[in-house]
Amino acid sequence: MRAFFEAIGYLFTDILFVPLDYIRALELETWYGANLITWIFILICCAATVYWIQQLRIFKSNNEDEQDTTAHSFLS
């Protein structure tokens, strides 16, 4: 059983975290390069939020937006 958990530790430490080790070493050279993945995710989230708000406006303008406060039995 101990070998199983050591194998899991080896998998994560020596194989799956290698890209993160590279990013950690890159931070000493350039902060922007090390945080590039973070900025990409932030841009994706901003784009998804803008798309979501546009869809909400479309539904509201077509009067398809139901804002019923009695959607759940405990609210009535």
C-alpha atoms as a PDB file:
ATOM      1  CA  MET A   1       0.000   0.000   0.000  1.00  0.00           C
ATOM      2  CA  ARG A   2       2.903   2.330   0.738  1.00  0.00           C
ATOM      3  CA  ALA A   3       4.246   1.832  -2.785  1.00  0.00           C
ATOM      4  CA  PHE A   4       0.897   2.929  -4.202  1.00  0.00           C
ATOM      5  CA  PHE A   5       1.016   6.262  -2.384  1.00  0.00           C
ATOM      6  CA  GLU A   6       4.678   6.734  -3.271  1.00  0.00           C
ATOM      7  CA  ALA A   7       3.737   6.162  -6.914  1.00  0.00           C
ATOM      8  CA  ILE A   8       1.052   8.850  -6.651  1.00  0.00           C
ATOM      9  CA  GLY A   9       3.601  11.204  -5.075  1.00  0.00           C
ATOM     10  CA  TYR A  10       6.102  10.465  -7.840  1.00  0.00           C
ATOM     11  CA  LEU A  11       3.455  11.028 -10.518  1.00  0.00           C
ATOM     12  CA  PHE A  12       2.513  14.456  -9.245  1.00  0.00           C
ATOM     13  CA  THR A  13       5.940  15.643  -8.085  1.00  0.00           C
ATOM     14  CA  ASP A  14       8.151  14.428 -10.923  1.00  0.00           C
ATOM     15  CA  ILE A  15       5.793  14.256 -13.898  1.00  0.00           C
ATOM     16  CA  LEU A  16       2.665  16.409 -13.672  1.00  0.00           C
ATOM     17  CA  PHE A  17       4.225  19.410 -11.907  1.00  0.00           C
ATOM     18  CA  VAL A  18       7.159  19.774 -14.317  1.00  0.00           C
ATOM     19  CA  PRO A  19       5.436  22.590 -16.277  1.00  0.00           C
ATOM     20  CA  LEU A  20       4.733  24.413 -13.019  1.00  0.00           C
ATOM     21  CA  ASP A  21       8.396  24.089 -12.044  1.00  0.00           C
ATOM     22  CA  TYR A  22       9.292  25.670 -15.380  1.00  0.00           C
ATOM     23  CA  ILE A  23       6.908  28.561 -14.736  1.00  0.00           C
ATOM     24  CA  ARG A  24       8.339  29.021 -11.226  1.00  0.00           C
ATOM     25  CA  ALA A  25      11.867  29.244 -12.673  1.00  0.00           C
ATOM     26  CA  LEU A  26      10.637  31.603 -15.397  1.00  0.00           C
ATOM     27  CA  GLU A  27       9.325  34.019 -12.771  1.00  0.00           C
ATOM     28  CA  LEU A  28      12.880  34.901 -11.799  1.00  0.00           C
ATOM     29  CA  GLU A  29      13.499  36.098 -15.363  1.00  0.00           C
ATOM     30  CA  THR A  30      10.218  37.731 -16.336  1.00  0.00           C
ATOM     31  CA  TRP A  31       7.080  38.267 -14.312  1.00  0.00           C
ATOM     32  CA  TYR A  32       4.917  38.675 -17.420  1.00  0.00           C
ATOM     33  CA  GLY A  33       6.017  35.374 -18.900  1.00  0.00           C
ATOM     34  CA  ALA A  34       5.350  33.511 -15.688  1.00  0.00           C
ATOM     35  CA  ASN A  35       1.829  34.954 -15.405  1.00  0.00           C
ATOM     36  CA  LEU A  36       0.872  34.528 -19.064  1.00  0.00           C
ATOM     37  CA  ILE A  37      -1.437  31.592 -18.311  1.00  0.00           C
ATOM     38  CA  THR A  38      -3.202  33.622 -15.628  1.00  0.00           C
ATOM     39  CA  TRP A  39      -3.778  36.505 -18.021  1.00  0.00           C
ATOM     40  CA  ILE A  40      -5.132  34.131 -20.679  1.00  0.00           C
ATOM     41  CA  PHE A  41      -7.645  32.702 -18.191  1.00  0.00           C
ATOM     42  CA  ILE A  42      -8.648  36.213 -17.102  1.00  0.00           C
ATOM     43  CA  LEU A  43      -9.297  37.197 -20.730  1.00  0.00           C
ATOM     44  CA  ILE A  44     -11.352  34.046 -21.323  1.00  0.00           C
ATOM     45  CA  CYS A  45     -13.456  34.775 -18.213  1.00  0.00           C
ATOM     46  CA  CYS A  46     -13.982  38.395 -19.276  1.00  0.00           C
ATOM     47  CA  ALA A  47     -15.093  37.311 -22.748  1.00  0.00           C
ATOM     48  CA  ALA A  48     -17.486  34.742 -21.275  1.00  0.00           C
ATOM     49  CA  THR A  49     -18.949  37.360 -18.929  1.00  0.00           C
ATOM     50  CA  VAL A  50     -19.505  39.822 -21.781  1.00  0.00           C
ATOM     51  CA  TYR A  51     -21.172  37.087 -23.862  1.00  0.00           C
ATOM     52  CA  TRP A  52     -23.386  36.091 -20.921  1.00  0.00           C
ATOM     53  CA  ILE A  53     -24.504  39.686 -20.312  1.00  0.00           C
ATOM     54  CA  GLN A  54     -25.296  40.116 -24.017  1.00  0.00           C
ATOM     55  CA  GLN A  55     -27.434  36.979 -23.945  1.00  0.00           C
ATOM     56  CA  LEU A  56     -29.263  38.246 -20.846  1.00  0.00           C
ATOM     57  CA  ARG A  57     -30.012  41.517 -22.637  1.00  0.00           C
ATOM     58  CA  ILE A  58     -31.355  39.629 -25.673  1.00  0.00           C
ATOM     59  CA  PHE A  59     -33.715  37.577 -23.500  1.00  0.00           C
ATOM     60  CA  LYS A  60     -34.829  40.679 -21.577  1.00  0.00           C
ATOM     61  CA  SER A  61     -35.563  42.630 -24.786  1.00  0.00           C
ATOM     62  CA  ASN A  62     -37.682  39.728 -26.131  1.00  0.00           C
ATOM     63  CA  ASN A  63     -39.595  39.530 -22.816  1.00  0.00           C
ATOM     64  CA  GLU A  64     -38.471  35.918 -22.407  1.00  0.00           C
ATOM     65  CA  ASP A  65     -36.883  36.678 -19.046  1.00  0.00           C
ATOM     66  CA  GLU A  66     -39.075  35.340 -16.241  1.00  0.00           C
ATOM     67  CA  GLN A  67     -38.276  36.953 -12.923  1.00  0.00           C
ATOM     68  CA  ASP A  68     -40.763  35.104 -10.787  1.00  0.00           C
ATOM     69  CA  THR A  69     -39.890  35.261  -7.118  1.00  0.00           C
ATOM     70  CA  THR A  70     -42.018  32.192  -6.407  1.00  0.00           C
ATOM     71  CA  ALA A  71     -39.706  29.884  -8.324  1.00  0.00           C
ATOM     72  CA  HIS A  72     -39.165  27.920  -5.132  1.00  0.00           C
ATOM     73  CA  SER A  73     -41.791  26.915  -2.646  1.00  0.00           C
ATOM     74  CA  PHE A  74     -39.914  28.453   0.274  1.00  0.00           C
ATOM     75  CA  LEU A  75     -40.045  31.934  -1.339  1.00  0.00           C
ATOM     76  CA  SER A  76     -43.818  32.178  -1.550  1.00  0.00           C
END
